[in-house]
PDB file of N, CA and C in Angstrom:
ATOM      1  N   UNK A   1     -52.233  69.211  81.494  1.00  0.00           N
ATOM      2  CA  UNK A   1     -51.439  68.533  81.461  1.00  0.00           C
ATOM      3  C   UNK A   1     -52.436  67.102  81.694  1.00  0.00           C
ATOM      4  N   UNK A   2     -51.973  66.121  80.697  1.00  0.00           N
ATOM      5  CA  UNK A   2     -52.681  64.921  80.669  1.00  0.00           C
ATOM      6  C   UNK A   2     -52.159  64.028  81.237  1.00  0.00           C
ATOM      7  N   UNK A   3     -52.607  62.864  81.910  1.00  0.00           N
ATOM      8  CA  UNK A   3     -52.030  61.731  82.981  1.00  0.00           C
ATOM      9  C   UNK A   3     -51.172  61.304  82.108  1.00  0.00           C
ATOM     10  N   UNK A   4     -50.207  60.012  82.605  1.00  0.00           N
ATOM     11  CA  UNK A   4     -49.425  59.295  82.141  1.00  0.00           C
ATOM     12  C   UNK A   4     -50.169  58.279  81.084  1.00  0.00           C
ATOM     13  N   UNK A   5     -51.146  57.686  81.912  1.00  0.00           N
ATOM     14  CA  UNK A   5     -51.978  56.647  81.069  1.00  0.00           C
ATOM     15  C   UNK A   5     -52.554  57.069  79.426  1.00  0.00           C
ATOM     16  N   UNK A   6     -52.691  58.947  79.529  1.00  0.00           N
ATOM     17  CA  UNK A   6     -53.558  59.474  78.599  1.00  0.00           C
ATOM     18  C   UNK A   6     -52.070  59.945  77.452  1.00  0.00           C
ATOM     19  N   UNK A   7     -51.382  59.931  77.429  1.00  0.00           N
ATOM     20  CA  UNK A   7     -50.213  60.199  77.044  1.00  0.00           C
ATOM     21  C   UNK A   7     -49.997  59.033  76.384  1.00  0.00           C
ATOM     22  N   UNK A   8     -49.846  57.771  77.144  1.00  0.00           N
ATOM     23  CA  UNK A   8     -49.472  56.731  76.841  1.00  0.00           C
ATOM     24  C   UNK A   8     -50.527  56.168  75.398  1.00  0.00           C
ATOM     25  N   UNK A   9     -51.732  56.213  75.629  1.00  0.00           N
ATOM     26  CA  UNK A   9     -52.297  56.027  74.440  1.00  0.00           C
ATOM     27  C   UNK A   9     -52.713  57.130  73.178  1.00  0.00           C
ATOM     28  N   UNK A  10     -51.747  57.792  73.104  1.00  0.00           N
ATOM     29  CA  UNK A  10     -51.796  58.779  71.961  1.00  0.00           C
ATOM     30  C   UNK A  10     -50.803  58.104  70.940  1.00  0.00           C
ATOM     31  N   UNK A  11     -51.090  58.275  69.685  1.00  0.00           N
ATOM     32  CA  UNK A  11     -50.507  57.628  68.551  1.00  0.00           C
ATOM     33  C   UNK A  11     -49.254  58.220  68.303  1.00  0.00           C
ATOM     34  N   UNK A  12     -48.110  58.297  69.198  1.00  0.00           N
ATOM     35  CA  UNK A  12     -46.548  58.350  68.620  1.00  0.00           C
ATOM     36  C   UNK A  12     -46.003  57.347  68.102  1.00  0.00           C
ATOM     37  N   UNK A  13     -45.246  58.107  66.631  1.00  0.00           N
ATOM     38  CA  UNK A  13     -45.132  57.325  65.597  1.00  0.00           C
ATOM     39  C   UNK A  13     -43.746  56.857  66.144  1.00  0.00           C
ATOM     40  N   UNK A  14     -43.718  55.782  65.783  1.00  0.00           N
ATOM     41  CA  UNK A  14     -42.209  54.714  66.162  1.00  0.00           C
ATOM     42  C   UNK A  14     -41.802  54.610  65.192  1.00  0.00           C
ATOM     43  N   UNK A  15     -40.369  54.424  65.413  1.00  0.00           N
ATOM     44  CA  UNK A  15     -39.348  54.299  64.296  1.00  0.00           C
ATOM     45  C   UNK A  15     -38.539  52.746  64.757  1.00  0.00           C
ATOM     46  N   UNK A  16     -38.266  51.946  63.467  1.00  0.00           N
ATOM     47  CA  UNK A  16     -37.407  50.754  64.029  1.00  0.00           C
ATOM     48  C   UNK A  16     -36.526  50.719  62.905  1.00  0.00           C
ATOM     49  N   UNK A  17     -35.212  50.567  63.624  1.00  0.00           N
ATOM     50  CA  UNK A  17     -34.042  50.550  62.674  1.00  0.00           C
ATOM     51  C   UNK A  17     -33.211  49.523  63.026  1.00  0.00           C
ATOM     52  N   UNK A  18     -33.304  48.517  61.692  1.00  0.00           N
ATOM     53  CA  UNK A  18     -32.711  46.848  62.095  1.00  0.00           C
ATOM     54  C   UNK A  18     -31.036  47.458  61.965  1.00  0.00           C
ATOM     55  N   UNK A  19     -30.034  46.858  62.706  1.00  0.00           N
ATOM     56  CA  UNK A  19     -28.820  47.032  63.204  1.00  0.00           C
ATOM     57  C   UNK A  19     -28.278  46.020  61.787  1.00  0.00           C
ATOM     58  N   UNK A  20     -28.310  46.017  60.707  1.00  0.00           N
ATOM     59  CA  UNK A  20     -27.585  45.384  59.465  1.00  0.00           C
ATOM     60  C   UNK A  20     -26.334  44.557  60.290  1.00  0.00           C
ATOM     61  N   UNK A  21     -25.194  45.554  60.913  1.00  0.00           N
ATOM     62  CA  UNK A  21     -23.834  45.284  60.778  1.00  0.00           C
ATOM     63  C   UNK A  21     -23.642  44.410  62.432  1.00  0.00           C
ATOM     64  N   UNK A  22     -24.477  44.722  63.416  1.00  0.00           N
ATOM     65  CA  UNK A  22     -24.126  43.995  64.786  1.00  0.00           C
ATOM     66  C   UNK A  22     -25.640  43.459  65.112  1.00  0.00           C
ATOM     67  N   UNK A  23     -26.817  43.359  64.581  1.00  0.00           N
ATOM     68  CA  UNK A  23     -27.973  42.733  64.796  1.00  0.00           C
ATOM     69  C   UNK A  23     -28.595  43.343  65.572  1.00  0.00           C
ATOM     70  N   UNK A  24     -29.969  43.018  66.242  1.00  0.00           N
ATOM     71  CA  UNK A  24     -30.594  43.367  66.828  1.00  0.00           C
ATOM     72  C   UNK A  24     -31.734  44.704  65.720  1.00  0.00           C
ATOM     73  N   UNK A  25     -32.253  45.765  66.489  1.00  0.00           N
ATOM     74  CA  UNK A  25     -33.076  47.209  66.503  1.00  0.00           C
ATOM     75  C   UNK A  25     -32.704  47.971  67.811  1.00  0.00           C
ATOM     76  N   UNK A  26     -32.839  49.005  66.665  1.00  0.00           N
ATOM     77  CA  UNK A  26     -32.996  50.509  67.673  1.00  0.00           C
ATOM     78  C   UNK A  26     -34.407  50.951  67.023  1.00  0.00           C
ATOM     79  N   UNK A  27     -34.975  51.582  68.943  1.00  0.00           N
ATOM     80  CA  UNK A  27     -36.150  51.894  68.073  1.00  0.00           C
ATOM     81  C   UNK A  27     -36.535  53.483  68.926  1.00  0.00           C
ATOM     82  N   UNK A  28     -36.910  54.213  67.676  1.00  0.00           N
ATOM     83  CA  UNK A  28     -37.049  55.685  68.693  1.00  0.00           C
ATOM     84  C   UNK A  28     -38.693  56.402  68.421  1.00  0.00           C
ATOM     85  N   UNK A  29     -38.539  57.217  69.109  1.00  0.00           N
ATOM     86  CA  UNK A  29     -40.032  57.765  69.239  1.00  0.00           C
ATOM     87  C   UNK A  29     -39.629  59.605  68.812  1.00  0.00           C
ATOM     88  N   UNK A  30     -39.791  59.905  67.134  1.00  0.00           N
ATOM     89  CA  UNK A  30     -39.484  61.324  66.843  1.00  0.00           C
ATOM     90  C   UNK A  30     -40.333  62.273  67.538  1.00  0.00           C
ATOM     91  N   UNK A  31     -41.208  62.345  67.934  1.00  0.00           N
ATOM     92  CA  UNK A  31     -42.132  63.489  68.737  1.00  0.00           C
ATOM     93  C   UNK A  31     -41.242  63.853  69.935  1.00  0.00           C
ATOM     94  N   UNK A  32     -40.290  62.349  70.626  1.00  0.00           N
ATOM     95  CA  UNK A  32     -40.337  62.366  71.873  1.00  0.00           C
ATOM     96  C   UNK A  32     -38.797  62.880  72.030  1.00  0.00           C
ATOM     97  N   UNK A  33     -38.379  63.684  71.888  1.00  0.00           N
ATOM     98  CA  UNK A  33     -36.484  63.618  71.784  1.00  0.00           C
ATOM     99  C   UNK A  33     -35.736  63.405  72.818  1.00  0.00           C
ATOM    100  N   UNK A  34     -35.053  62.244  71.790  1.00  0.00           N
ATOM    101  CA  UNK A  34     -34.152  61.435  73.146  1.00  0.00           C
ATOM    102  C   UNK A  34     -34.634  60.126  73.544  1.00  0.00           C
ATOM    103  N   UNK A  35     -36.028  59.999  73.140  1.00  0.00           N
ATOM    104  CA  UNK A  35     -36.974  58.683  73.498  1.00  0.00           C
ATOM    105  C   UNK A  35     -36.361  57.349  72.663  1.00  0.00           C
ATOM    106  N   UNK A  36     -35.462  56.967  73.321  1.00  0.00           N
ATOM    107  CA  UNK A  36     -35.208  55.883  72.121  1.00  0.00           C
ATOM    108  C   UNK A  36     -34.458  54.410  72.888  1.00  0.00           C
ATOM    109  N   UNK A  37     -34.625  53.339  72.105  1.00  0.00           N
ATOM    110  CA  UNK A  37     -33.911  51.892  72.960  1.00  0.00           C
ATOM    111  C   UNK A  37     -33.743  50.986  71.413  1.00  0.00           C
ATOM    112  N   UNK A  38     -33.103  50.161  72.518  1.00  0.00           N
ATOM    113  CA  UNK A  38     -32.511  49.107  71.349  1.00  0.00           C
ATOM    114  C   UNK A  38     -32.485  47.266  72.310  1.00  0.00           C
ATOM    115  N   UNK A  39     -32.423  46.077  70.676  1.00  0.00           N
ATOM    116  CA  UNK A  39     -32.777  44.897  71.959  1.00  0.00           C
ATOM    117  C   UNK A  39     -32.379  43.829  70.845  1.00  0.00           C
ATOM    118  N   UNK A  40     -32.020  42.831  71.150  1.00  0.00           N
ATOM    119  CA  UNK A  40     -31.525  42.006  69.637  1.00  0.00           C
ATOM    120  C   UNK A  40     -32.499  41.213  69.071  1.00  0.00           C
ATOM    121  N   UNK A  41     -33.687  41.184  69.459  1.00  0.00           N
ATOM    122  CA  UNK A  41     -34.727  40.615  68.812  1.00  0.00           C
ATOM    123  C   UNK A  41     -36.012  42.049  68.690  1.00  0.00           C
ATOM    124  N   UNK A  42     -36.770  41.376  67.529  1.00  0.00           N
ATOM    125  CA  UNK A  42     -38.374  42.668  67.186  1.00  0.00           C
ATOM    126  C   UNK A  42     -39.115  42.687  68.575  1.00  0.00           C
ATOM    127  N   UNK A  43     -39.603  41.370  69.354  1.00  0.00           N
ATOM    128  CA  UNK A  43     -40.132  41.672  69.863  1.00  0.00           C
ATOM    129  C   UNK A  43     -39.376  42.297  71.537  1.00  0.00           C
ATOM    130  N   UNK A  44     -38.278  41.952  71.915  1.00  0.00           N
ATOM    131  CA  UNK A  44     -37.746  42.745  72.999  1.00  0.00           C
ATOM    132  C   UNK A  44     -37.796  44.136  72.686  1.00  0.00           C
ATOM    133  N   UNK A  45     -37.159  44.472  71.278  1.00  0.00           N
ATOM    134  CA  UNK A  45     -37.186  46.163  71.202  1.00  0.00           C
ATOM    135  C   UNK A  45     -38.638  46.437  71.237  1.00  0.00           C
ATOM    136  N   UNK A  46     -39.546  45.814  71.037  1.00  0.00           N
ATOM    137  CA  UNK A  46     -41.140  47.072  70.713  1.00  0.00           C
ATOM    138  C   UNK A  46     -41.244  46.250  72.233  1.00  0.00           C
ATOM    139  N   UNK A  47     -41.056  45.659  73.236  1.00  0.00           N
ATOM    140  CA  UNK A  47     -41.778  45.789  74.289  1.00  0.00           C
ATOM    141  C   UNK A  47     -40.698  47.086  75.096  1.00  0.00           C
ATOM    142  N   UNK A  48     -39.365  47.332  74.997  1.00  0.00           N
ATOM    143  CA  UNK A  48     -38.463  47.993  75.479  1.00  0.00           C
ATOM    144  C   UNK A  48     -38.768  49.458  74.818  1.00  0.00           C
ATOM    145  N   UNK A  49     -39.360  49.462  74.088  1.00  0.00           N
ATOM    146  CA  UNK A  49     -40.094  51.022  73.557  1.00  0.00           C
ATOM    147  C   UNK A  49     -41.197  50.991  73.985  1.00  0.00           C
ATOM    148  N   UNK A  50     -41.852  50.595  74.584  1.00  0.00           N
ATOM    149  CA  UNK A  50     -43.227  50.585  75.137  1.00  0.00           C
ATOM    150  C   UNK A  50     -43.056  51.384  77.012  1.00  0.00           C
ATOM    151  N   UNK A  51     -42.299  50.579  77.072  1.00  0.00           N
ATOM    152  CA  UNK A  51     -41.109  51.160  78.779  1.00  0.00           C
ATOM    153  C   UNK A  51     -40.665  52.305  78.210  1.00  0.00           C
ATOM    154  N   UNK A  52     -39.531  52.426  77.527  1.00  0.00           N
ATOM    155  CA  UNK A  52     -38.597  53.990  77.158  1.00  0.00           C
ATOM    156  C   UNK A  52     -39.863  55.119  76.553  1.00  0.00           C
ATOM    157  N   UNK A  53     -41.139  54.506  76.296  1.00  0.00           N
ATOM    158  CA  UNK A  53     -41.589  55.278  76.304  1.00  0.00           C
ATOM    159  C   UNK A  53     -42.670  56.025  77.776  1.00  0.00           C
ATOM    160  N   UNK A  54     -43.095  54.973  78.389  1.00  0.00           N
ATOM    161  CA  UNK A  54     -43.504  55.198  79.522  1.00  0.00           C
ATOM    162  C   UNK A  54     -42.644  56.318  80.581  1.00  0.00           C
ATOM    163  N   UNK A  55     -41.358  55.964  80.294  1.00  0.00           N
ATOM    164  CA  UNK A  55     -40.412  56.494  81.651  1.00  0.00           C
ATOM    165  C   UNK A  55     -40.024  57.750  81.477  1.00  0.00           C
ATOM    166  N   UNK A  56     -39.989  58.286  79.594  1.00  0.00           N
ATOM    167  CA  UNK A  56     -39.766  59.325  78.896  1.00  0.00           C
ATOM    168  C   UNK A  56     -40.923  60.315  79.282  1.00  0.00           C
ATOM    169  N   UNK A  57     -42.504  59.567  79.021  1.00  0.00           N
ATOM    170  CA  UNK A  57     -43.346  60.293  79.691  1.00  0.00           C
ATOM    171  C   UNK A  57     -43.254  61.312  81.188  1.00  0.00           C
ATOM    172  N   UNK A  58     -43.044  59.842  82.116  1.00  0.00           N
ATOM    173  CA  UNK A  58     -43.170  60.320  83.242  1.00  0.00           C
ATOM    174  C   UNK A  58     -42.190  61.003  84.052  1.00  0.00           C
ATOM    175  N   UNK A  59     -41.109  60.984  83.411  1.00  0.00           N
ATOM    176  CA  UNK A  59     -40.095  62.041  83.885  1.00  0.00           C
ATOM    177  C   UNK A  59     -40.253  63.437  83.022  1.00  0.00           C
ATOM    178  N   UNK A  60     -41.026  63.474  82.012  1.00  0.00           N
ATOM    179  CA  UNK A  60     -41.379  64.838  81.571  1.00  0.00           C
ATOM    180  C   UNK A  60     -42.510  65.511  82.294  1.00  0.00           C
ATOM    181  N   UNK A  61     -43.646  64.448  82.686  1.00  0.00           N
ATOM    182  CA  UNK A  61     -44.827  64.884  83.648  1.00  0.00           C
ATOM    183  C   UNK A  61     -44.231  65.262  85.385  1.00  0.00           C
ATOM    184  N   UNK A  62     -43.080  64.395  85.639  1.00  0.00           N
ATOM    185  CA  UNK A  62     -42.472  64.605  87.055  1.00  0.00           C
ATOM    186  C   UNK A  62     -41.673  66.180  87.012  1.00  0.00           C
ATOM    187  N   UNK A  63     -41.045  66.578  85.674  1.00  0.00           N
ATOM    188  CA  UNK A  63     -40.301  67.620  85.953  1.00  0.00           C
ATOM    189  C   UNK A  63     -41.183  68.597  85.216  1.00  0.00           C
ATOM    190  N   UNK A  64     -42.243  68.885  85.022  1.00  0.00           N
ATOM    191  CA  UNK A  64     -43.046  69.481  84.081  1.00  0.00           C
ATOM    192  C   UNK A  64     -42.461  70.140  83.414  1.00  0.00           C
ATOM    193  N   UNK A  65     -42.200  69.205  82.193  1.00  0.00           N
ATOM    194  CA  UNK A  65     -41.711  69.453  80.976  1.00  0.00           C
ATOM    195  C   UNK A  65     -42.596  69.482  79.719  1.00  0.00           C
ATOM    196  N   UNK A  66     -42.801  69.975  79.028  1.00  0.00           N
ATOM    197  CA  UNK A  66     -43.702  69.922  77.721  1.00  0.00           C
ATOM    198  C   UNK A  66     -43.249  69.254  77.223  1.00  0.00           C
ATOM    199  N   UNK A  67     -44.890  68.486  77.028  1.00  0.00           N
ATOM    200  CA  UNK A  67     -45.193  66.942  76.229  1.00  0.00           C
ATOM    201  C   UNK A  67     -45.701  67.297  75.000  1.00  0.00           C
ATOM    202  N   UNK A  68     -44.941  67.120  73.813  1.00  0.00           N
ATOM    203  CA  UNK A  68     -45.425  67.625  72.290  1.00  0.00           C
ATOM    204  C   UNK A  68     -46.561  66.315  72.331  1.00  0.00           C
ATOM    205  N   UNK A  69     -47.705  66.708  71.229  1.00  0.00           N
ATOM    206  CA  UNK A  69     -48.760  65.959  70.861  1.00  0.00           C
ATOM    207  C   UNK A  69     -48.046  65.351  69.849  1.00  0.00           C
ATOM    208  N   UNK A  70     -48.636  63.824  69.421  1.00  0.00           N
ATOM    209  CA  UNK A  70     -48.084  63.270  68.101  1.00  0.00           C
ATOM    210  C   UNK A  70     -48.015  64.424  66.779  1.00  0.00           C
ATOM    211  N   UNK A  71     -46.742  64.094  66.067  1.00  0.00           N
ATOM    212  CA  UNK A  71     -47.568  64.247  64.595  1.00  0.00           C
ATOM    213  C   UNK A  71     -48.200  64.131  63.566  1.00  0.00           C
ATOM    214  N   UNK A  72     -48.628  64.761  62.904  1.00  0.00           N
ATOM    215  CA  UNK A  72     -49.969  64.814  61.860  1.00  0.00           C
ATOM    216  C   UNK A  72     -49.156  64.462  60.351  1.00  0.00           C
ATOM    217  N   UNK A  73     -48.211  65.119  60.225  1.00  0.00           N
ATOM    218  CA  UNK A  73     -47.852  65.457  59.349  1.00  0.00           C
ATOM    219  C   UNK A  73     -47.753  63.998  58.365  1.00  0.00           C
ATOM    220  N   UNK A  74     -46.919  63.051  58.858  1.00  0.00           N
ATOM    221  CA  UNK A  74     -46.751  62.093  57.942  1.00  0.00           C
ATOM    222  C   UNK A  74     -47.302  61.090  58.598  1.00  0.00           C
ATOM    223  N   UNK A  75     -48.960  60.857  59.105  1.00  0.00           N
ATOM    224  CA  UNK A  75     -49.516  59.379  59.571  1.00  0.00           C
ATOM    225  C   UNK A  75     -50.422  59.729  59.056  1.00  0.00           C
ATOM    226  N   UNK A  76     -50.564  58.465  58.411  1.00  0.00           N
ATOM    227  CA  UNK A  76     -51.915  58.028  57.492  1.00  0.00           C
ATOM    228  C   UNK A  76     -52.345  56.269  57.872  1.00  0.00           C
ATOM    229  N   UNK A  77     -53.325  56.464  57.660  1.00  0.00           N
ATOM    230  CA  UNK A  77     -53.905  55.106  57.925  1.00  0.00           C
ATOM    231  C   UNK A  77     -54.455  54.494  56.456  1.00  0.00           C
ATOM    232  N   UNK A  78     -53.785  52.991  55.970  1.00  0.00           N
ATOM    233  CA  UNK A  78     -54.647  52.509  55.472  1.00  0.00           C
ATOM    234  C   UNK A  78     -55.188  51.010  55.469  1.00  0.00           C
ATOM    235  N   UNK A  79     -55.687  50.579  54.517  1.00  0.00           N
ATOM    236  CA  UNK A  79     -56.308  49.526  55.118  1.00  0.00           C
ATOM    237  C   UNK A  79     -55.666  48.290  53.332  1.00  0.00           C
ATOM    238  N   UNK A  80     -55.577  47.031  53.954  1.00  0.00           N
ATOM    239  CA  UNK A  80     -55.083  46.547  52.860  1.00  0.00           C
ATOM    240  C   UNK A  80     -55.688  45.215  53.312  1.00  0.00           C
ATOM    241  N   UNK A  81     -56.552  44.562  51.762  1.00  0.00           N
ATOM    242  CA  UNK A  81     -57.150  43.471  52.204  1.00  0.00           C
ATOM    243  C   UNK A  81     -55.987  42.390  51.303  1.00  0.00           C
ATOM    244  N   UNK A  82     -56.037  41.157  52.424  1.00  0.00           N
ATOM    245  CA  UNK A  82     -54.942  40.036  52.069  1.00  0.00           C
ATOM    246  C   UNK A  82     -55.218  38.851  51.580  1.00  0.00           C
ATOM    247  N   UNK A  83     -54.769  38.367  50.744  1.00  0.00           N
ATOM    248  CA  UNK A  83     -55.277  36.773  50.889  1.00  0.00           C
ATOM    249  C   UNK A  83     -55.583  36.243  51.712  1.00  0.00           C
ATOM    250  N   UNK A  84     -56.455  35.315  51.954  1.00  0.00           N
ATOM    251  CA  UNK A  84     -56.661  34.270  53.171  1.00  0.00           C
ATOM    252  C   UNK A  84     -55.610  33.499  53.589  1.00  0.00           C
ATOM    253  N   UNK A  85     -54.956  33.020  52.366  1.00  0.00           N
ATOM    254  CA  UNK A  85     -53.137  32.363  53.045  1.00  0.00           C
ATOM    255  C   UNK A  85     -52.282  32.883  53.201  1.00  0.00           C
ATOM    256  N   UNK A  86     -52.141  34.171  53.113  1.00  0.00           N
ATOM    257  CA  UNK A  86     -51.268  35.073  53.489  1.00  0.00           C
ATOM    258  C   UNK A  86     -51.414  35.898  54.678  1.00  0.00           C
ATOM    259  N   UNK A  87     -52.498  35.791  55.065  1.00  0.00           N
ATOM    260  CA  UNK A  87     -53.316  36.698  56.648  1.00  0.00           C
ATOM    261  C   UNK A  87     -52.271  35.595  57.722  1.00  0.00           C
ATOM    262  N   UNK A  88     -53.021  34.414  56.828  1.00  0.00           N
ATOM    263  CA  UNK A  88     -53.171  33.204  57.529  1.00  0.00           C
ATOM    264  C   UNK A  88     -51.575  32.608  57.989  1.00  0.00           C
ATOM    265  N   UNK A  89     -50.364  33.006  56.991  1.00  0.00           N
ATOM    266  CA  UNK A  89     -49.408  32.699  57.199  1.00  0.00           C
ATOM    267  C   UNK A  89     -48.369  34.415  57.921  1.00  0.00           C
ATOM    268  N   UNK A  90     -48.876  35.118  58.043  1.00  0.00           N
ATOM    269  CA  UNK A  90     -48.608  36.225  58.671  1.00  0.00           C
ATOM    270  C   UNK A  90     -49.716  35.898  60.065  1.00  0.00           C
ATOM    271  N   UNK A  91     -50.248  35.544  60.019  1.00  0.00           N
ATOM    272  CA  UNK A  91     -50.672  35.431  61.842  1.00  0.00           C
ATOM    273  C   UNK A  91     -49.957  34.293  62.874  1.00  0.00           C
ATOM    274  N   UNK A  92     -49.473  33.175  62.052  1.00  0.00           N
ATOM    275  CA  UNK A  92     -48.678  31.719  62.364  1.00  0.00           C
ATOM    276  C   UNK A  92     -47.740  32.731  62.843  1.00  0.00           C
ATOM    277  N   UNK A  93     -46.597  33.087  62.007  1.00  0.00           N
ATOM    278  CA  UNK A  93     -45.212  33.780  62.140  1.00  0.00           C
ATOM    279  C   UNK A  93     -45.730  34.970  63.001  1.00  0.00           C
ATOM    280  N   UNK A  94     -46.505  35.728  63.243  1.00  0.00           N
ATOM    281  CA  UNK A  94     -46.746  36.820  64.667  1.00  0.00           C
ATOM    282  C   UNK A  94     -46.670  35.763  65.975  1.00  0.00           C
ATOM    283  N   UNK A  95     -48.118  34.997  65.913  1.00  0.00           N
ATOM    284  CA  UNK A  95     -47.643  34.241  66.741  1.00  0.00           C
ATOM    285  C   UNK A  95     -46.874  33.076  67.646  1.00  0.00           C
ATOM    286  N   UNK A  96     -45.985  32.944  66.500  1.00  0.00           N
ATOM    287  CA  UNK A  96     -44.508  32.104  66.787  1.00  0.00           C
ATOM    288  C   UNK A  96     -43.403  33.241  67.207  1.00  0.00           C
ATOM    289  N   UNK A  97     -43.721  34.195  67.144  1.00  0.00           N
ATOM    290  CA  UNK A  97     -42.669  35.641  67.511  1.00  0.00           C
ATOM    291  C   UNK A  97     -43.529  36.200  68.863  1.00  0.00           C
ATOM    292  N   UNK A  98     -44.539  35.778  69.184  1.00  0.00           N
ATOM    293  CA  UNK A  98     -44.981  36.437  70.426  1.00  0.00           C
ATOM    294  C   UNK A  98     -45.586  37.850  70.477  1.00  0.00           C
ATOM    295  N   UNK A  99     -46.216  38.009  69.088  1.00  0.00           N
ATOM    296  CA  UNK A  99     -46.407  39.469  69.167  1.00  0.00           C
ATOM    297  C   UNK A  99     -47.360  39.354  68.053  1.00  0.00           C
ATOM    298  N   UNK A 100     -48.525  40.923  67.995  1.00  0.00           N
ATOM    299  CA  UNK A 100     -49.291  40.747  67.167  1.00  0.00           C
ATOM    300  C   UNK A 100     -49.065  40.659  65.668  1.00  0.00           C
ATOM    301  N   UNK A 101     -50.193  40.496  64.829  1.00  0.00           N
ATOM    302  CA  UNK A 101     -49.895  40.810  63.454  1.00  0.00           C
ATOM    303  C   UNK A 101     -49.501  42.108  63.420  1.00  0.00           C
ATOM    304  N   UNK A 102     -49.844  42.995  63.388  1.00  0.00           N
ATOM    305  CA  UNK A 102     -49.878  44.519  63.280  1.00  0.00           C
ATOM    306  C   UNK A 102     -48.397  44.817  63.691  1.00  0.00           C
ATOM    307  N   UNK A 103     -47.906  44.509  64.744  1.00  0.00           N
ATOM    308  CA  UNK A 103     -46.437  44.815  64.933  1.00  0.00           C
ATOM    309  C   UNK A 103     -45.765  43.566  64.369  1.00  0.00           C
ATOM    310  N   UNK A 104     -45.975  42.570  63.846  1.00  0.00           N
ATOM    311  CA  UNK A 104     -45.416  41.528  62.794  1.00  0.00           C
ATOM    312  C   UNK A 104     -44.905  42.215  61.471  1.00  0.00           C
ATOM    313  N   UNK A 105     -46.040  42.756  61.210  1.00  0.00           N
ATOM    314  CA  UNK A 105     -46.248  43.623  59.635  1.00  0.00           C
ATOM    315  C   UNK A 105     -44.828  44.676  59.466  1.00  0.00           C
ATOM    316  N   UNK A 106     -45.073  45.342  60.414  1.00  0.00           N
ATOM    317  CA  UNK A 106     -44.730  46.470  61.225  1.00  0.00           C
ATOM    318  C   UNK A 106     -42.839  46.183  61.065  1.00  0.00           C
ATOM    319  N   UNK A 107     -42.762  45.285  61.559  1.00  0.00           N
ATOM    320  CA  UNK A 107     -41.002  44.638  61.993  1.00  0.00           C
ATOM    321  C   UNK A 107     -40.790  43.932  60.299  1.00  0.00           C
ATOM    322  N   UNK A 108     -41.813  43.426  58.901  1.00  0.00           N
ATOM    323  CA  UNK A 108     -41.355  43.399  58.066  1.00  0.00           C
ATOM    324  C   UNK A 108     -41.308  44.533  57.099  1.00  0.00           C
ATOM    325  N   UNK A 109     -42.062  45.828  57.492  1.00  0.00           N
ATOM    326  CA  UNK A 109     -41.878  46.769  56.716  1.00  0.00           C
ATOM    327  C   UNK A 109     -40.702  47.524  56.984  1.00  0.00           C
ATOM    328  N   UNK A 110     -40.582  47.160  58.270  1.00  0.00           N
ATOM    329  CA  UNK A 110     -39.134  48.142  58.691  1.00  0.00           C
ATOM    330  C   UNK A 110     -37.660  47.380  58.411  1.00  0.00           C
ATOM    331  N   UNK A 111     -37.765  45.856  58.295  1.00  0.00           N
ATOM    332  CA  UNK A 111     -36.482  45.327  57.390  1.00  0.00           C
ATOM    333  C   UNK A 111     -36.713  45.065  56.135  1.00  0.00           C
ATOM    334  N   UNK A 112     -37.522  44.787  55.585  1.00  0.00           N
ATOM    335  CA  UNK A 112     -37.759  45.105  54.207  1.00  0.00           C
ATOM    336  C   UNK A 112     -38.015  45.977  53.545  1.00  0.00           C
ATOM    337  N   UNK A 113     -38.866  47.516  53.937  1.00  0.00           N
ATOM    338  CA  UNK A 113     -40.037  48.073  53.242  1.00  0.00           C
ATOM    339  C   UNK A 113     -39.090  49.233  52.446  1.00  0.00           C
ATOM    340  N   UNK A 114     -37.950  49.743  52.832  1.00  0.00           N
ATOM    341  CA  UNK A 114     -37.343  50.363  51.732  1.00  0.00           C
ATOM    342  C   UNK A 114     -36.581  50.009  50.738  1.00  0.00           C
ATOM    343  N   UNK A 115     -36.462  48.660  51.052  1.00  0.00           N
ATOM    344  CA  UNK A 115     -36.320  47.854  49.440  1.00  0.00           C
ATOM    345  C   UNK A 115     -37.112  47.613  48.803  1.00  0.00           C
ATOM    346  N   UNK A 116     -38.496  47.159  49.085  1.00  0.00           N
ATOM    347  CA  UNK A 116     -39.316  46.883  48.401  1.00  0.00           C
ATOM    348  C   UNK A 116     -40.013  48.009  47.677  1.00  0.00           C
ATOM    349  N   UNK A 117     -39.947  49.057  48.431  1.00  0.00           N
ATOM    350  CA  UNK A 117     -40.938  50.485  48.226  1.00  0.00           C
ATOM    351  C   UNK A 117     -40.261  50.993  46.782  1.00  0.00           C
ATOM    352  N   UNK A 118     -39.116  50.616  46.953  1.00  0.00           N
ATOM    353  CA  UNK A 118     -37.770  51.559  45.271  1.00  0.00           C
ATOM    354  C   UNK A 118     -38.027  50.333  44.479  1.00  0.00           C
ATOM    355  N   UNK A 119     -38.665  49.445  44.261  1.00  0.00           N
ATOM    356  CA  UNK A 119     -38.238  48.163  43.004  1.00  0.00           C
ATOM    357  C   UNK A 119     -39.312  48.813  42.329  1.00  0.00           C
TER     358      UNK A 119
END
């Protein structure tokens, strides 16, 4: 069995679901059943998600429950070349929100992704 730190470094897929009716965001880790959290803001939801993941993993280790490896079926990596002006704008917005540019882009995709992709 791996240590908590080793499990925390594994690339578990995170799903972020905006709550259109009441506001805020729900976050879950599909490979870790029952591991979910929510918050009013994206940055708090992302912070809570890491805390929920850590607590879920710690409890599983303590109870000697088998912890699944991250699924690979739907995980892909892609690179995106952005115009410098767009990258600068994304970086400024991410900095203003107090999160990394990667997390800010994830937020934008979670918020607008399905409608933007289906067009």
